Amino acid sequence: MPSQTYPCQTRRTDFATSLPTPTVTLSIQVPPSNNSGWNFNGQSISVSVDVMTTIKAVKGRLTSELGGMPVNKMQLKSAAQGFLKDGATLAFLNIGGGTGVFYWSCF
């Protein structure tokens, strides 16, 4: 049986190959302290990742900088797309080609 190409996969791959570099630098703005014991100081954290990286993997990169906050307690939000789903890649969300600014929240 021949393999199928799904439209979302094609768009994601096309987006990734259209970029001058597959690396994206994300600037994540952490909210001020919420007295949770995690490292929330209103700081901005920069993370460089490949455009095929999932949102969940990006969150995993932030755990140590946020005092061990579990990935399942994190949410990333962009002004353009709202809350970003863990399983989505940056390419699927068309995030790339430079620096994106995301706002952090937790529950």
C-alpha atoms as a PDB file:
ATOM      1  CA  MET A   1       0.000   0.000   0.000  1.00  0.00           C
ATOM      2  CA  PRO A   2       1.573   3.366  -0.968  1.00  0.00           C
ATOM      3  CA  SER A   3       2.194   5.879   1.791  1.00  0.00           C
ATOM      4  CA  GLN A   4      -0.160   8.815   1.968  1.00  0.00           C
ATOM      5  CA  THR A   5       0.762  12.448   2.319  1.00  0.00           C
ATOM      6  CA  TYR A   6      -1.621  14.440   4.453  1.00  0.00           C
ATOM      7  CA  PRO A   7      -2.220  18.145   3.699  1.00  0.00           C
ATOM      8  CA  CYS A   8      -1.060  19.341   7.149  1.00  0.00           C
ATOM      9  CA  GLN A   9       2.189  17.397   6.820  1.00  0.00           C
ATOM     10  CA  THR A  10       2.853  18.899   3.401  1.00  0.00           C
ATOM     11  CA  ARG A  11       2.220  22.435   4.618  1.00  0.00           C
ATOM     12  CA  ARG A  12       4.383  21.872   7.687  1.00  0.00           C
ATOM     13  CA  THR A  13       7.222  20.499   5.585  1.00  0.00           C
ATOM     14  CA  ASP A  14       6.843  23.260   2.985  1.00  0.00           C
ATOM     15  CA  PHE A  15       6.948  25.882   5.721  1.00  0.00           C
ATOM     16  CA  ALA A  16      10.063  24.348   7.288  1.00  0.00           C
ATOM     17  CA  THR A  17      11.925  24.168   3.975  1.00  0.00           C
ATOM     18  CA  SER A  18      10.952  27.728   3.050  1.00  0.00           C
ATOM     19  CA  LEU A  19      12.868  29.154   6.015  1.00  0.00           C
ATOM     20  CA  PRO A  20      16.471  30.365   5.629  1.00  0.00           C
ATOM     21  CA  THR A  21      17.377  28.313   8.715  1.00  0.00           C
ATOM     22  CA  PRO A  22      15.434  25.577  10.527  1.00  0.00           C
ATOM     23  CA  THR A  23      16.327  27.087  13.913  1.00  0.00           C
ATOM     24  CA  VAL A  24      13.869  29.377  15.687  1.00  0.00           C
ATOM     25  CA  THR A  25      14.688  31.520  18.710  1.00  0.00           C
ATOM     26  CA  LEU A  26      11.708  31.914  20.989  1.00  0.00           C
ATOM     27  CA  SER A  27      11.564  34.636  23.607  1.00  0.00           C
ATOM     28  CA  ILE A  28       9.256  33.487  26.371  1.00  0.00           C
ATOM     29  CA  GLN A  29       8.026  36.088  28.839  1.00  0.00           C
ATOM     30  CA  VAL A  30       7.438  34.559  32.269  1.00  0.00           C
ATOM     31  CA  PRO A  31       4.870  36.259  34.519  1.00  0.00           C
ATOM     32  CA  PRO A  32       5.909  37.856  37.809  1.00  0.00           C
ATOM     33  CA  SER A  33       6.029  35.726  40.951  1.00  0.00           C
ATOM     34  CA  ASN A  34       2.881  33.849  41.809  1.00  0.00           C
ATOM     35  CA  ASN A  35       4.211  32.523  45.150  1.00  0.00           C
ATOM     36  CA  SER A  36       4.133  28.977  43.813  1.00  0.00           C
ATOM     37  CA  GLY A  37       7.721  28.118  44.649  1.00  0.00           C
ATOM     38  CA  TRP A  38       8.671  28.051  40.984  1.00  0.00           C
ATOM     39  CA  ASN A  39      11.177  30.503  39.533  1.00  0.00           C
ATOM     40  CA  PHE A  40       8.778  33.179  38.254  1.00  0.00           C
ATOM     41  CA  ASN A  41      10.474  36.570  38.260  1.00  0.00           C
ATOM     42  CA  GLY A  42       8.952  38.202  35.212  1.00  0.00           C
ATOM     43  CA  GLN A  43      12.063  37.195  33.293  1.00  0.00           C
ATOM     44  CA  SER A  44      12.385  36.578  29.565  1.00  0.00           C
ATOM     45  CA  ILE A  45      13.825  33.185  28.594  1.00  0.00           C
ATOM     46  CA  SER A  46      15.317  32.613  25.130  1.00  0.00           C
ATOM     47  CA  VAL A  47      15.218  29.117  23.676  1.00  0.00           C
ATOM     48  CA  SER A  48      16.594  28.098  20.267  1.00  0.00           C
ATOM     49  CA  VAL A  49      14.926  25.038  18.747  1.00  0.00           C
ATOM     50  CA  ASP A  50      14.309  23.393  15.384  1.00  0.00           C
ATOM     51  CA  VAL A  51      11.002  24.313  13.688  1.00  0.00           C
ATOM     52  CA  MET A  52       9.934  20.661  13.827  1.00  0.00           C
ATOM     53  CA  THR A  53      10.049  20.735  17.653  1.00  0.00           C
ATOM     54  CA  THR A  54       6.756  20.223  19.471  1.00  0.00           C
ATOM     55  CA  ILE A  55       5.374  22.688  21.997  1.00  0.00           C
ATOM     56  CA  LYS A  56       5.686  19.980  24.657  1.00  0.00           C
ATOM     57  CA  ALA A  57       9.414  19.637  23.909  1.00  0.00           C
ATOM     58  CA  VAL A  58       9.840  23.426  24.163  1.00  0.00           C
ATOM     59  CA  LYS A  59       8.192  23.298  27.592  1.00  0.00           C
ATOM     60  CA  GLY A  60      10.569  20.496  28.569  1.00  0.00           C
ATOM     61  CA  ARG A  61      13.501  22.770  27.787  1.00  0.00           C
ATOM     62  CA  LEU A  62      12.079  25.369  30.206  1.00  0.00           C
ATOM     63  CA  THR A  63      11.544  23.091  33.215  1.00  0.00           C
ATOM     64  CA  SER A  64      14.990  23.588  34.757  1.00  0.00           C
ATOM     65  CA  GLU A  65      14.859  27.372  34.345  1.00  0.00           C
ATOM     66  CA  LEU A  66      11.496  27.510  36.094  1.00  0.00           C
ATOM     67  CA  GLY A  67      12.505  25.706  39.268  1.00  0.00           C
ATOM     68  CA  GLY A  68      11.391  22.240  38.149  1.00  0.00           C
ATOM     69  CA  MET A  69       7.883  23.191  37.089  1.00  0.00           C
ATOM     70  CA  PRO A  70       6.274  20.133  35.430  1.00  0.00           C
ATOM     71  CA  VAL A  71       5.486  20.378  31.718  1.00  0.00           C
ATOM     72  CA  ASN A  72       1.824  19.541  32.329  1.00  0.00           C
ATOM     73  CA  LYS A  73       1.477  22.681  34.497  1.00  0.00           C
ATOM     74  CA  MET A  74       2.776  24.979  31.753  1.00  0.00           C
ATOM     75  CA  GLN A  75       0.909  26.774  28.998  1.00  0.00           C
ATOM     76  CA  LEU A  76       2.385  28.762  26.143  1.00  0.00           C
ATOM     77  CA  LYS A  77       0.292  31.440  24.534  1.00  0.00           C
ATOM     78  CA  SER A  78       0.899  33.650  21.513  1.00  0.00           C
ATOM     79  CA  ALA A  79      -1.022  36.807  20.725  1.00  0.00           C
ATOM     80  CA  ALA A  80      -1.836  35.520  17.240  1.00  0.00           C
ATOM     81  CA  GLN A  81      -2.793  31.922  18.046  1.00  0.00           C
ATOM     82  CA  GLY A  82      -3.861  31.792  21.670  1.00  0.00           C
ATOM     83  CA  PHE A  83      -2.830  28.762  23.724  1.00  0.00           C
ATOM     84  CA  LEU A  84      -0.497  26.434  21.847  1.00  0.00           C
ATOM     85  CA  LYS A  85      -1.273  22.700  21.889  1.00  0.00           C
ATOM     86  CA  ASP A  86       1.459  20.358  23.149  1.00  0.00           C
ATOM     87  CA  GLY A  87       1.426  18.066  20.111  1.00  0.00           C
ATOM     88  CA  ALA A  88       1.796  20.834  17.526  1.00  0.00           C
ATOM     89  CA  THR A  89       5.185  21.590  16.015  1.00  0.00           C
ATOM     90  CA  LEU A  90       6.403  25.130  15.478  1.00  0.00           C
ATOM     91  CA  ALA A  91       6.277  24.486  11.722  1.00  0.00           C
ATOM     92  CA  PHE A  92       2.654  23.339  11.945  1.00  0.00           C
ATOM     93  CA  LEU A  93       1.879  26.635  13.708  1.00  0.00           C
ATOM     94  CA  ASN A  94       3.945  28.548  11.117  1.00  0.00           C
ATOM     95  CA  ILE A  95       6.284  29.849  13.812  1.00  0.00           C
ATOM     96  CA  GLY A  96       9.735  30.440  12.400  1.00  0.00           C
ATOM     97  CA  GLY A  97      12.005  32.648  10.383  1.00  0.00           C
ATOM     98  CA  GLY A  98      13.080  34.714  13.347  1.00  0.00           C
ATOM     99  CA  THR A  99      12.129  35.281  16.931  1.00  0.00           C
ATOM    100  CA  GLY A 100       8.684  34.765  18.341  1.00  0.00           C
ATOM    101  CA  VAL A 101       7.479  36.235  21.594  1.00  0.00           C
ATOM    102  CA  PHE A 102       5.291  34.021  23.731  1.00  0.00           C
ATOM    103  CA  TYR A 103       3.642  34.619  27.039  1.00  0.00           C
ATOM    104  CA  TRP A 104       3.792  32.058  29.736  1.00  0.00           C
ATOM    105  CA  SER A 105       1.060  31.087  32.086  1.00  0.00           C
ATOM    106  CA  CYS A 106       0.464  28.257  34.485  1.00  0.00           C
ATOM    107  CA  PHE A 107      -2.475  26.783  36.331  1.00  0.00           C
END
